[in-house]
Amino acid sequence: MKKQTLTIAAALTVAATAAQAGIDRSGQDIGVLFEEGNYFKFSFANVDPDITSDATGTTQSAVPFSTFSFGYKHQFSENLSFALIWDQPYGADIQYIDGPAAGGFAVIDSQQLTGILRYEMGNGFSVHGGAFMQKLSGQIASGAGLLEATSNSELGGVVGVAYEKPEIALRVALTYFTGVDHELTGTHNFAPTTGAVSMPEAFNLDFQTGIAQNTLLFGSVRHAKYDGISLDTAGPVNWVNFVDDVTSYELGVGRKLNDNWSVALTLGYSGGADTGTTFLAPAGSATSVGLGASYTTGDIKISGGVRYTKFSEKFVGPVPFEGDAISAGVSVGVAF
């Protein structure tokens, strides 16, 4: 059972990003680091949420958004490799049309550039570590007024360990990301202001194993420590207050159909129904199901997928919101 054959199926879930319960988006995925040889991958996904309330006069509270990422992996030697990854780990796109929060909105964007070295010790074990630069920007309009702010690029660290047994396509990888403190500058109701926010430290556990010929079981667990994080500006004004950590789970099965085609089915759950201010995260916990397919020809691999996500009920003040989302995406990978 070849490692390269079965990692095709695991890559499918990257193409259809999940519509998370909070502001977590990319999951800080480092999967490109475990591709064989030199490799480049580009991914794009679009998420179309429909989060509404049965309350009279209340309509759409979330708007469609897109995400991008790319990863480059270089194999220096049999034991040493390096990956450079750019993604958008956090974000929010919320707009309240009617109801008690009418006119309120939030547009939060992030960018992260991560560099990671990996050393394989020759006994199935490997270690990886590096650093990342993270930048935030956005606008929030609420009862406190209008905030527009941005941060400088701040540094964080990443470290992890992995174990592989290629003959059964087994890989287990645990990765830790430090939290990052951001100083913000911008305007509050068009007057200059400063602020601060910390993005969470997180643990990612990724695993896969062959369960039959050309069949792969794979999954992940991500725990992000949001509890206690707040966004505050001079005044003082509290704009965001997180009260729960977020743990997300995914489990999938991939199957290689022939030399060119692979398919996969995934199930996911993201907790933290009370995570973040209700204004930023109007929907509760998320349950999802995804389908993906991958086509490989020569050194090129094209993967695509769709995912349906159902959100549980959550209150914004006195108004209950719930809904769902459809996400679709594609990734293109090239080995060289």
Protein backbone atom coordinates (compact mmCIF):
# COMPACT_ATOMS: atom_id res chain seq x y z
CA MET A 1 0.00 0.00 0.00
CA LYS A 2 1.88 3.05 -1.25
CA LYS A 3 2.02 6.28 0.70
CA GLN A 4 1.85 8.45 -2.41
CA THR A 5 -1.26 6.70 -3.72
CA LEU A 6 -3.30 7.09 -0.57
CA THR A 7 -2.39 10.65 0.36
CA ILE A 8 -4.31 11.66 -2.79
CA ALA A 9 -7.59 10.95 -1.03
CA ALA A 10 -6.58 12.81 2.13
CA ALA A 11 -5.84 15.93 0.08
CA LEU A 12 -9.45 16.21 -1.06
CA THR A 13 -10.72 17.80 2.12
CA VAL A 14 -8.41 20.78 1.62
CA ALA A 15 -10.34 21.76 -1.49
CA ALA A 16 -13.72 22.20 0.22
CA THR A 17 -13.11 24.40 3.23
CA ALA A 18 -15.48 24.15 6.19
CA ALA A 19 -17.77 26.97 7.20
CA GLN A 20 -16.69 27.02 10.83
CA ALA A 21 -18.76 27.90 13.87
CA GLY A 22 -16.46 30.79 14.83
CA ILE A 23 -13.82 32.81 12.96
CA ASP A 24 -11.43 29.86 12.36
CA ARG A 25 -11.09 29.25 8.62
CA SER A 26 -8.00 27.50 7.24
CA GLY A 27 -7.18 25.45 10.34
CA GLN A 28 -3.49 26.38 9.76
CA ASP A 29 -3.03 23.25 7.63
CA ILE A 30 0.58 22.14 6.97
CA GLY A 31 -0.22 19.03 4.91
CA VAL A 32 1.99 20.10 2.00
CA LEU A 33 5.01 19.44 4.24
CA PHE A 34 4.31 15.69 4.00
CA GLU A 35 4.09 15.47 0.20
CA GLU A 36 6.84 13.47 -1.50
CA GLY A 37 9.69 15.34 -3.20
CA ASN A 38 9.29 18.93 -4.36
CA TYR A 39 5.68 20.08 -4.51
CA PHE A 40 3.55 23.18 -5.10
CA LYS A 41 -0.17 23.50 -4.34
CA PHE A 42 -2.73 26.28 -4.81
CA SER A 43 -6.22 26.15 -3.28
CA PHE A 44 -9.38 28.25 -3.64
CA ALA A 45 -12.74 27.87 -1.91
CA ASN A 46 -16.01 29.77 -1.76
CA VAL A 47 -18.49 29.58 1.11
CA ASP A 48 -22.15 30.60 0.73
CA PRO A 49 -23.86 30.78 4.14
CA ASP A 50 -27.59 31.21 4.80
CA ILE A 51 -27.96 32.23 8.45
CA THR A 52 -31.32 33.75 9.32
CA SER A 53 -33.89 34.06 12.10
CA ASP A 54 -37.59 33.29 12.34
CA ALA A 55 -37.99 36.47 14.36
CA THR A 56 -40.15 39.10 12.63
CA GLY A 57 -38.16 41.60 10.60
CA THR A 58 -34.83 39.77 10.80
CA THR A 59 -33.07 38.48 7.69
CA GLN A 60 -29.64 37.45 6.43
CA SER A 61 -26.75 37.81 8.90
CA ALA A 62 -23.84 36.30 6.97
CA VAL A 63 -22.53 36.89 3.46
CA PRO A 64 -20.56 34.71 1.01
CA PHE A 65 -16.77 34.78 1.17
CA SER A 66 -13.79 33.21 -0.56
CA THR A 67 -10.43 31.96 0.71
CA PHE A 68 -7.09 31.29 -0.96
CA SER A 69 -3.93 29.46 0.05
CA PHE A 70 -0.71 28.15 -1.45
CA GLY A 71 2.03 25.86 -0.27
CA TYR A 72 5.51 25.07 -1.57
CA LYS A 73 7.57 22.16 -0.30
CA HIS A 74 11.25 21.60 -1.13
CA GLN A 75 13.16 18.40 -0.39
CA PHE A 76 16.75 19.37 0.44
CA SER A 77 17.94 15.83 1.17
CA GLU A 78 16.63 12.41 2.14
CA ASN A 79 16.02 13.64 5.68
CA LEU A 80 15.57 17.42 5.47
CA SER A 81 12.73 19.34 3.82
CA PHE A 82 11.14 22.80 4.00
CA ALA A 83 7.65 24.18 3.38
CA LEU A 84 6.43 27.73 2.81
CA ILE A 85 2.68 28.20 3.32
CA TRP A 86 0.45 31.25 2.84
CA ASP A 87 -3.13 31.13 4.06
CA GLN A 88 -5.96 33.11 5.67
CA PRO A 89 -6.44 31.47 9.07
CA TYR A 90 -9.13 33.75 10.54
CA GLY A 91 -11.96 35.84 9.18
CA ALA A 92 -15.51 37.10 9.51
CA ASP A 93 -18.06 38.34 6.97
CA ILE A 94 -21.24 39.34 8.81
CA GLN A 95 -23.94 41.83 7.84
CA TYR A 96 -27.21 42.27 9.73
CA ILE A 97 -29.93 43.54 7.37
CA ASP A 98 -32.91 43.95 9.70
CA GLY A 99 -33.88 43.41 13.32
CA PRO A 100 -32.20 44.62 16.53
CA ALA A 101 -28.70 44.54 15.01
CA ALA A 102 -29.70 46.18 11.70
CA GLY A 103 -26.81 48.08 10.14
CA GLY A 104 -24.21 46.14 12.07
CA PHE A 105 -21.46 44.36 10.19
CA ALA A 106 -18.02 42.85 10.54
CA VAL A 107 -15.37 42.25 7.87
CA ILE A 108 -12.21 40.73 9.34
CA ASP A 109 -9.31 39.47 7.23
CA SER A 110 -6.05 37.76 8.10
CA GLN A 111 -2.91 36.68 6.32
CA GLN A 112 -0.29 34.23 7.54
CA LEU A 113 3.03 33.20 5.99
CA THR A 114 4.56 30.10 7.60
CA GLY A 115 8.01 28.58 7.09
CA ILE A 116 8.61 25.07 8.45
CA LEU A 117 11.62 22.74 8.44
CA ARG A 118 11.13 18.98 8.79
CA TYR A 119 13.80 16.45 9.78
CA GLU A 120 13.14 12.72 9.30
CA MET A 121 15.10 10.61 11.78
CA GLY A 122 14.95 7.37 9.80
CA ASN A 123 12.89 5.30 12.27
CA GLY A 124 9.45 6.54 11.23
CA PHE A 125 9.67 9.58 13.48
CA SER A 126 10.19 13.14 12.33
CA VAL A 127 10.17 16.58 13.91
CA HIS A 128 9.10 19.86 12.35
CA GLY A 129 9.22 23.47 13.43
CA GLY A 130 9.49 27.03 12.28
CA ALA A 131 7.87 30.43 12.47
CA PHE A 132 5.04 32.40 10.93
CA MET A 133 4.13 36.04 10.30
CA GLN A 134 0.50 37.01 10.86
CA LYS A 135 -1.36 40.22 9.98
CA LEU A 136 -4.94 41.31 10.76
CA SER A 137 -7.23 44.01 9.37
CA GLY A 138 -10.92 44.77 9.38
CA GLN A 139 -13.99 46.82 10.14
CA ILE A 140 -16.66 46.35 12.81
CA ALA A 141 -19.86 48.40 13.10
CA SER A 142 -21.99 47.81 16.20
CA GLY A 143 -23.67 49.69 19.02
CA ALA A 144 -20.20 50.93 20.01
CA GLY A 145 -19.79 52.69 16.66
CA LEU A 146 -17.49 52.03 13.71
CA LEU A 147 -14.00 50.57 14.14
CA GLU A 148 -11.46 50.31 11.33
CA ALA A 149 -8.12 48.85 12.36
CA THR A 150 -5.07 46.96 11.17
CA SER A 151 -2.02 45.35 12.76
CA ASN A 152 1.62 45.01 11.81
CA SER A 153 2.96 41.59 10.82
CA GLU A 154 3.64 39.78 14.09
CA LEU A 155 5.70 36.64 14.66
CA GLY A 156 4.56 33.29 16.04
CA GLY A 157 6.09 29.84 16.33
CA VAL A 158 5.16 26.34 15.24
CA VAL A 159 6.58 22.98 16.39
CA GLY A 160 5.50 19.37 15.98
CA VAL A 161 6.28 15.69 15.73
CA ALA A 162 5.08 12.95 13.37
CA TYR A 163 5.24 9.18 13.00
CA GLU A 164 4.87 7.33 9.69
CA LYS A 165 4.68 3.71 8.60
CA PRO A 166 4.47 3.88 4.79
CA GLU A 167 3.70 0.20 4.20
CA ILE A 168 0.24 0.71 5.76
CA ALA A 169 -0.07 4.41 4.81
CA LEU A 170 0.02 5.36 8.50
CA ARG A 171 0.85 8.90 9.56
CA VAL A 172 0.10 10.71 12.81
CA ALA A 173 1.23 14.33 13.19
CA LEU A 174 0.82 16.65 16.17
CA THR A 175 1.52 20.36 15.63
CA TYR A 176 1.44 23.29 18.05
CA PHE A 177 0.98 26.93 17.03
CA THR A 178 1.77 29.71 19.50
CA GLY A 179 -0.67 32.53 20.14
CA VAL A 180 0.10 35.93 18.61
CA ASP A 181 -0.36 39.34 20.25
CA HIS A 182 -1.38 42.16 17.90
CA GLU A 183 -1.24 45.90 18.51
CA LEU A 184 -3.90 47.65 16.41
CA THR A 185 -4.01 51.14 14.94
CA GLY A 186 -7.00 52.70 13.22
CA THR A 187 -10.06 54.85 13.82
CA HIS A 188 -13.11 54.68 16.09
CA ASN A 189 -15.94 56.74 14.59
CA PHE A 190 -13.26 58.31 12.35
CA ALA A 191 -11.12 59.48 15.30
CA PRO A 192 -7.65 57.91 15.73
CA THR A 193 -7.51 55.02 18.17
CA THR A 194 -5.32 52.12 19.22
CA GLY A 195 -6.18 48.66 20.43
CA ALA A 196 -5.01 45.12 21.05
CA VAL A 197 -6.10 41.57 20.35
CA SER A 198 -4.45 38.15 20.72
CA MET A 199 -5.07 35.30 18.29
CA PRO A 200 -5.25 31.85 19.91
CA GLU A 201 -2.63 29.20 20.42
CA ALA A 202 -3.75 25.94 18.82
CA PHE A 203 -3.04 22.21 18.61
CA ASN A 204 -3.59 20.22 15.40
CA LEU A 205 -3.69 16.41 15.38
CA ASP A 206 -3.78 14.91 11.87
CA PHE A 207 -3.86 11.19 11.11
CA GLN A 208 -4.35 8.69 8.32
CA THR A 209 -4.05 4.93 7.91
CA GLY A 210 -4.80 2.36 5.24
CA ILE A 211 -7.75 0.13 6.14
CA ALA A 212 -7.89 -1.91 2.90
CA GLN A 213 -6.18 -1.99 -0.46
CA ASN A 214 -6.41 1.52 -1.96
CA THR A 215 -8.64 2.69 0.91
CA LEU A 216 -7.67 5.29 3.48
CA LEU A 217 -9.17 6.37 6.80
CA PHE A 218 -8.12 9.91 7.74
CA GLY A 219 -9.07 12.72 10.06
CA SER A 220 -8.05 15.61 12.24
CA VAL A 221 -8.69 17.31 15.57
CA ARG A 222 -7.99 21.02 16.11
CA HIS A 223 -8.20 22.72 19.49
CA ALA A 224 -7.89 26.54 19.46
CA LYS A 225 -7.74 28.34 22.82
CA TYR A 226 -10.07 31.29 22.31
CA ASP A 227 -11.37 31.48 25.88
CA GLY A 228 -10.46 34.84 27.45
CA ILE A 229 -9.40 36.54 24.21
CA SER A 230 -10.84 40.01 23.61
CA LEU A 231 -10.48 42.89 21.18
CA ASP A 232 -10.27 46.20 23.04
CA THR A 233 -9.57 49.76 21.99
CA ALA A 234 -8.80 52.96 23.86
CA GLY A 235 -11.75 54.35 25.74
CA PRO A 236 -11.88 51.59 26.83
CA VAL A 237 -14.22 49.83 24.36
CA ASN A 238 -14.65 46.05 24.21
CA TRP A 239 -15.55 44.93 20.67
CA VAL A 240 -15.03 41.17 20.86
CA ASN A 241 -15.03 38.85 23.86
CA PHE A 242 -14.46 35.12 23.40
CA VAL A 243 -15.81 32.88 26.14
CA ASP A 244 -15.11 29.34 24.86
CA ASP A 245 -12.29 27.39 23.27
CA VAL A 246 -13.10 25.78 19.90
CA THR A 247 -12.51 22.11 19.13
CA SER A 248 -13.13 20.85 15.59
CA TYR A 249 -13.19 17.23 14.42
CA GLU A 250 -13.10 15.65 10.97
CA LEU A 251 -13.19 12.01 9.88
CA GLY A 252 -13.11 10.75 6.32
CA VAL A 253 -12.67 7.75 4.05
CA GLY A 254 -10.79 7.96 0.74
CA ARG A 255 -10.77 5.41 -2.05
CA LYS A 256 -8.50 5.15 -5.10
CA LEU A 257 -10.65 4.04 -8.04
CA ASN A 258 -7.89 3.72 -10.64
CA ASP A 259 -4.55 5.27 -11.59
CA ASN A 260 -6.20 8.65 -12.20
CA TRP A 261 -9.25 9.00 -9.94
CA SER A 262 -9.79 9.04 -6.18
CA VAL A 263 -12.87 9.94 -4.15
CA ALA A 264 -13.50 10.78 -0.50
CA LEU A 265 -16.33 11.28 1.99
CA THR A 266 -15.87 13.38 5.15
CA LEU A 267 -17.87 14.15 8.28
CA GLY A 268 -17.09 17.09 10.52
CA TYR A 269 -18.11 18.79 13.74
CA SER A 270 -16.99 22.14 15.18
CA GLY A 271 -18.02 22.98 18.74
CA GLY A 272 -17.89 26.20 20.70
CA ALA A 273 -21.51 27.31 20.31
CA ASP A 274 -20.84 30.27 22.64
CA THR A 275 -17.49 31.15 21.10
CA GLY A 276 -16.95 34.82 20.41
CA THR A 277 -19.39 37.66 20.73
CA THR A 278 -22.75 36.67 19.34
CA PHE A 279 -22.38 39.63 16.97
CA LEU A 280 -19.32 38.10 15.26
CA ALA A 281 -20.53 34.50 15.34
CA PRO A 282 -24.32 34.44 14.94
CA ALA A 283 -24.49 30.69 14.33
CA GLY A 284 -23.83 27.93 16.83
CA SER A 285 -21.85 24.71 16.52
CA ALA A 286 -21.40 23.25 13.03
CA THR A 287 -21.94 19.74 11.63
CA SER A 288 -20.81 19.01 8.08
CA VAL A 289 -20.62 16.38 5.36
CA GLY A 290 -18.33 16.65 2.34
CA LEU A 291 -17.67 14.87 -0.95
CA GLY A 292 -14.49 15.18 -2.97
CA ALA A 293 -12.76 13.81 -6.04
CA SER A 294 -9.18 13.98 -7.25
CA TYR A 295 -7.73 13.49 -10.74
CA THR A 296 -4.02 12.78 -11.20
CA THR A 297 -2.19 12.83 -14.49
CA GLY A 298 1.58 12.68 -14.53
CA ASP A 299 2.91 15.14 -11.95
CA ILE A 300 -0.34 17.16 -11.76
CA LYS A 301 -3.12 16.54 -9.24
CA ILE A 302 -6.46 18.39 -9.41
CA SER A 303 -8.83 18.04 -6.46
CA GLY A 304 -12.33 19.43 -5.97
CA GLY A 305 -15.05 19.09 -3.42
CA VAL A 306 -18.30 20.36 -1.94
CA ARG A 307 -19.40 20.49 1.67
CA TYR A 308 -22.74 21.07 3.37
CA THR A 309 -22.64 22.57 6.87
CA LYS A 310 -25.56 22.84 9.29
CA PHE A 311 -25.37 25.39 12.14
CA SER A 312 -27.18 25.02 15.44
CA GLU A 313 -29.23 27.82 16.99
CA LYS A 314 -27.56 30.77 18.67
CA PHE A 315 -28.88 34.06 20.02
CA VAL A 316 -27.82 37.58 19.01
CA GLY A 317 -29.33 39.46 21.92
CA PRO A 318 -32.96 38.28 22.02
CA VAL A 319 -32.97 37.03 18.42
CA PRO A 320 -32.28 33.33 17.64
CA PHE A 321 -30.24 32.60 14.50
CA GLU A 322 -29.53 29.32 12.73
CA GLY A 323 -28.84 28.18 9.20
CA ASP A 324 -26.52 26.31 6.88
CA ALA A 325 -23.81 26.83 4.29
CA ILE A 326 -22.57 25.32 1.04
CA SER A 327 -18.83 25.46 0.40
CA ALA A 328 -16.99 24.38 -2.72
CA GLY A 329 -13.37 24.49 -3.68
CA VAL A 330 -10.57 23.30 -5.89
CA SER A 331 -6.85 22.75 -5.43
CA VAL A 332 -4.11 22.14 -7.98
CA GLY A 333 -0.88 20.42 -7.00
CA VAL A 334 2.27 19.94 -9.06
CA ALA A 335 5.15 17.61 -8.20
CA PHE A 336 8.57 18.39 -9.69
